């Protein structure tokens, strides 16, 4: 999608502080961190929301989930972390491109707000 900021980031059109990248996903530091460590993990394929994931995307989603622990380890999140996906308007999804927030290096509270 030509107007999607995360697609532009994935295509290298907008520079970010990259944590991890391969041919299917990109992880980078959040511009407005909500924890001492706050990175986003996005698929390079444009998928608007979690509700738009198809069976065809199953391998991609599994790949993201399997990389989370590696990214967390690389960032020194040895005492735990939180992985969040906001879906849709009520879920407060502000960018309509599937993404996961990986937060850590502080004790998380519940409910998150």
Protein backbone atom coordinates (compact mmCIF):
# COMPACT_ATOMS: atom_id res chain seq x y z
CA UNK A 1 0.00 0.00 0.00
CA UNK A 2 1.52 3.27 -1.12
CA UNK A 3 0.23 5.33 1.82
CA UNK A 4 1.05 2.83 4.60
CA UNK A 5 3.86 4.09 6.83
CA UNK A 6 4.90 0.56 7.83
CA UNK A 7 5.06 -0.51 4.18
CA UNK A 8 7.31 2.50 3.53
CA UNK A 9 9.49 1.50 6.48
CA UNK A 10 9.63 -2.13 5.29
CA UNK A 11 10.64 -0.93 1.80
CA UNK A 12 13.43 1.24 3.23
CA UNK A 13 11.74 4.51 2.25
CA UNK A 14 11.66 5.73 5.86
CA UNK A 15 14.72 5.14 8.05
CA UNK A 16 14.29 3.42 11.41
CA UNK A 17 16.55 1.98 14.09
CA UNK A 18 16.46 -1.67 13.00
CA UNK A 19 16.70 -4.44 15.60
CA UNK A 20 16.13 -7.43 13.32
CA UNK A 21 15.36 -7.96 9.64
CA UNK A 22 14.97 -10.88 7.28
CA UNK A 23 13.13 -11.40 4.01
CA UNK A 24 9.69 -11.59 5.73
CA UNK A 25 9.76 -9.38 8.82
CA UNK A 26 11.29 -6.23 10.26
CA UNK A 27 11.73 -5.20 13.88
CA UNK A 28 12.63 -1.65 14.88
CA UNK A 29 12.54 0.67 17.88
CA UNK A 30 9.22 2.43 18.46
CA UNK A 31 9.30 6.21 17.89
CA UNK A 32 7.20 6.77 21.05
CA UNK A 33 8.42 4.12 23.51
CA UNK A 34 6.14 3.10 26.36
CA UNK A 35 8.85 1.11 28.17
CA UNK A 36 12.66 1.22 28.37
CA UNK A 37 12.65 -1.35 25.56
CA UNK A 38 9.83 -0.96 23.03
CA UNK A 39 10.20 -2.37 19.55
CA UNK A 40 7.72 -3.11 16.80
CA UNK A 41 7.71 -6.31 14.79
CA UNK A 42 5.99 -6.10 11.40
CA UNK A 43 5.53 -8.42 8.45
CA UNK A 44 6.88 -6.94 5.23
CA UNK A 45 3.67 -8.14 3.57
CA UNK A 46 0.85 -5.66 4.06
CA UNK A 47 -1.84 -7.22 6.25
CA UNK A 48 -4.15 -4.53 7.68
CA UNK A 49 -5.18 -6.19 10.97
CA UNK A 50 -5.11 -9.49 12.81
CA UNK A 51 -8.66 -10.00 11.51
CA UNK A 52 -7.24 -9.98 7.96
CA UNK A 53 -4.77 -12.83 8.56
CA UNK A 54 -5.59 -15.82 6.33
CA UNK A 55 -4.55 -19.45 6.41
CA UNK A 56 -2.08 -18.50 3.68
CA UNK A 57 -0.42 -16.18 6.24
CA UNK A 58 -0.07 -18.94 8.85
CA UNK A 59 3.61 -19.61 8.15
CA UNK A 60 4.40 -15.88 8.28
CA UNK A 61 2.62 -15.46 11.63
CA UNK A 62 4.41 -18.52 13.01
CA UNK A 63 7.71 -17.06 11.81
CA UNK A 64 7.00 -13.81 13.67
CA UNK A 65 6.10 -15.66 16.87
CA UNK A 66 9.23 -17.82 16.66
CA UNK A 67 11.45 -14.75 16.18
CA UNK A 68 9.99 -12.90 19.19
CA UNK A 69 12.08 -14.89 21.65
CA UNK A 70 15.26 -14.29 19.62
CA UNK A 71 14.60 -10.54 19.41
CA UNK A 72 13.80 -10.42 23.14
CA UNK A 73 17.04 -12.24 23.93
CA UNK A 74 19.03 -9.89 21.68
CA UNK A 75 17.53 -6.93 23.56
CA UNK A 76 18.42 -8.41 26.96
CA UNK A 77 14.82 -9.06 28.04
CA UNK A 78 15.93 -11.91 30.31
CA UNK A 79 13.36 -11.23 33.04
CA UNK A 80 10.30 -11.29 30.79
CA UNK A 81 8.49 -9.04 28.37
CA UNK A 82 5.06 -8.21 27.00
CA UNK A 83 3.97 -8.84 23.40
CA UNK A 84 0.92 -6.83 22.28
CA UNK A 85 -1.18 -6.69 19.13
CA UNK A 86 -3.83 -3.98 18.88
CA UNK A 87 -6.62 -4.90 16.46
CA UNK A 88 -9.15 -2.45 15.08
CA UNK A 89 -10.55 0.77 16.40
CA UNK A 90 -11.63 -0.49 19.83
CA UNK A 91 -8.26 -2.23 20.19
CA UNK A 92 -6.58 1.16 19.57
CA UNK A 93 -4.79 0.09 16.39
CA UNK A 94 -3.41 3.36 15.05
CA UNK A 95 -1.51 2.00 12.01
CA UNK A 96 -3.51 -0.28 9.74
CA UNK A 97 -0.64 -2.71 9.14
CA UNK A 98 -0.35 -5.76 11.35
CA UNK A 99 2.29 -5.21 14.01
CA UNK A 100 3.32 -6.43 17.42
CA UNK A 101 4.73 -4.34 20.25
CA UNK A 102 7.51 -6.00 22.26
CA UNK A 103 7.99 -4.19 25.56
CA UNK A 104 10.35 -4.85 28.42
CA UNK A 105 12.96 -3.77 30.96
CA UNK A 106 10.27 -2.71 33.43
CA UNK A 107 7.59 -4.47 35.44
CA UNK A 108 4.34 -4.41 33.51
CA UNK A 109 1.01 -3.68 35.19
CA UNK A 110 -2.41 -5.22 34.63
CA UNK A 111 -4.78 -4.20 33.28
CA UNK A 112 -2.62 -2.31 30.80
CA UNK A 113 -5.14 0.53 30.45
